[in-house]
Amino acid sequence: MKCEICGRRAESRFCELHKKAEENLREKYKEWKKAMNICWEEYLREVLKNPMTGLWVKEVARVLLASPEGKEASSTQKKV
């Protein structure tokens, strides 16, 4: 199997590097959601706009936003 983003060898959707970026995105979302009352899709858009966001994370965020998973996650996650 190959990474959807870079084509490196992967055991799942993403290679080790992009998988770590996805994990970081999901972990930080918890903090953003608590602080800003933001949905998943909005969070991904904000991450993409942030000049301090790293390349790996931006690549993953773009893929997640473009996928049904990214859209579904935003509609199923309620604002707290």
Protein backbone atom coordinates (compact mmCIF):
# COMPACT_ATOMS: atom_id res chain seq x y z
CA MET A 1 0.00 0.00 0.00
CA LYS A 2 1.17 3.55 -0.70
CA CYS A 3 0.58 6.88 1.01
CA GLU A 4 -2.22 8.89 -0.62
CA ILE A 5 -0.09 12.02 -0.47
CA CYS A 6 3.51 11.15 -1.26
CA GLY A 7 3.44 7.56 -2.51
CA ARG A 8 5.78 6.27 0.19
CA ARG A 9 5.20 2.79 1.53
CA ALA A 10 2.36 2.75 4.05
CA GLU A 11 0.46 0.25 6.15
CA SER A 12 -2.71 2.33 5.90
CA ARG A 13 -3.90 5.49 4.18
CA PHE A 14 -0.78 7.50 5.00
CA CYS A 15 2.95 6.83 5.38
CA GLU A 16 4.54 7.09 8.84
CA LEU A 17 5.27 10.82 8.42
CA HIS A 18 1.83 11.81 7.20
CA LYS A 19 0.20 9.50 9.76
CA LYS A 20 2.06 11.34 12.54
CA ALA A 21 0.90 14.66 11.06
CA GLU A 22 -2.70 13.37 11.06
CA GLU A 23 -2.37 12.26 14.69
CA ASN A 24 -1.05 15.70 15.63
CA LEU A 25 -3.93 17.37 13.77
CA ARG A 26 -6.51 15.27 15.58
CA GLU A 27 -4.87 15.76 18.98
CA LYS A 28 -4.61 19.54 18.61
CA TYR A 29 -8.21 19.72 17.41
CA LYS A 30 -9.34 18.78 20.91
CA GLU A 31 -7.60 21.89 22.26
CA TRP A 32 -8.93 24.17 19.50
CA LYS A 33 -12.47 22.85 19.93
CA LYS A 34 -12.38 23.51 23.65
CA ALA A 35 -10.89 26.99 23.26
CA MET A 36 -12.69 28.21 20.14
CA ASN A 37 -15.86 26.13 19.81
CA ILE A 38 -14.88 25.18 16.25
CA CYS A 39 -16.01 22.24 14.10
CA TRP A 40 -13.58 19.83 12.41
CA GLU A 41 -13.95 21.30 8.91
CA GLU A 42 -13.47 24.88 10.15
CA TYR A 43 -10.44 23.75 12.12
CA LEU A 44 -8.84 22.17 9.04
CA ARG A 45 -9.43 25.39 7.07
CA GLU A 46 -7.83 27.46 9.84
CA VAL A 47 -4.85 25.12 9.98
CA LEU A 48 -4.36 25.56 6.23
CA LYS A 49 -4.44 29.36 6.53
CA ASN A 50 -1.94 29.46 9.40
CA PRO A 51 1.56 30.37 8.11
CA MET A 52 3.10 28.52 11.06
CA THR A 53 1.56 25.19 10.05
CA GLY A 54 4.07 22.69 8.72
CA LEU A 55 4.00 21.23 5.22
CA TRP A 56 3.16 17.66 6.32
CA VAL A 57 0.17 18.83 8.35
CA LYS A 58 -1.09 21.07 5.53
CA GLU A 59 -0.88 18.17 3.09
CA VAL A 60 -2.91 15.95 5.40
CA ALA A 61 -5.43 18.72 6.13
CA ARG A 62 -6.02 19.24 2.38
CA VAL A 63 -6.65 15.52 1.85
CA LEU A 64 -8.98 15.31 4.84
CA LEU A 65 -10.95 18.36 3.70
CA ALA A 66 -11.35 16.89 0.23
CA SER A 67 -12.51 13.51 1.51
CA PRO A 68 -16.01 12.54 2.60
CA GLU A 69 -14.45 11.67 5.97
CA GLY A 70 -13.45 15.30 6.49
CA LYS A 71 -16.92 16.57 5.63
CA GLU A 72 -18.71 13.89 7.66
CA ALA A 73 -16.56 14.53 10.70
CA SER A 74 -17.58 18.18 10.73
CA SER A 75 -21.27 17.37 10.50
CA THR A 76 -21.17 14.74 13.23
CA GLN A 77 -19.11 16.74 15.70
CA LYS A 78 -21.20 19.12 17.72
CA LYS A 79 -19.98 22.47 18.91
CA VAL A 80 -19.55 22.45 22.66
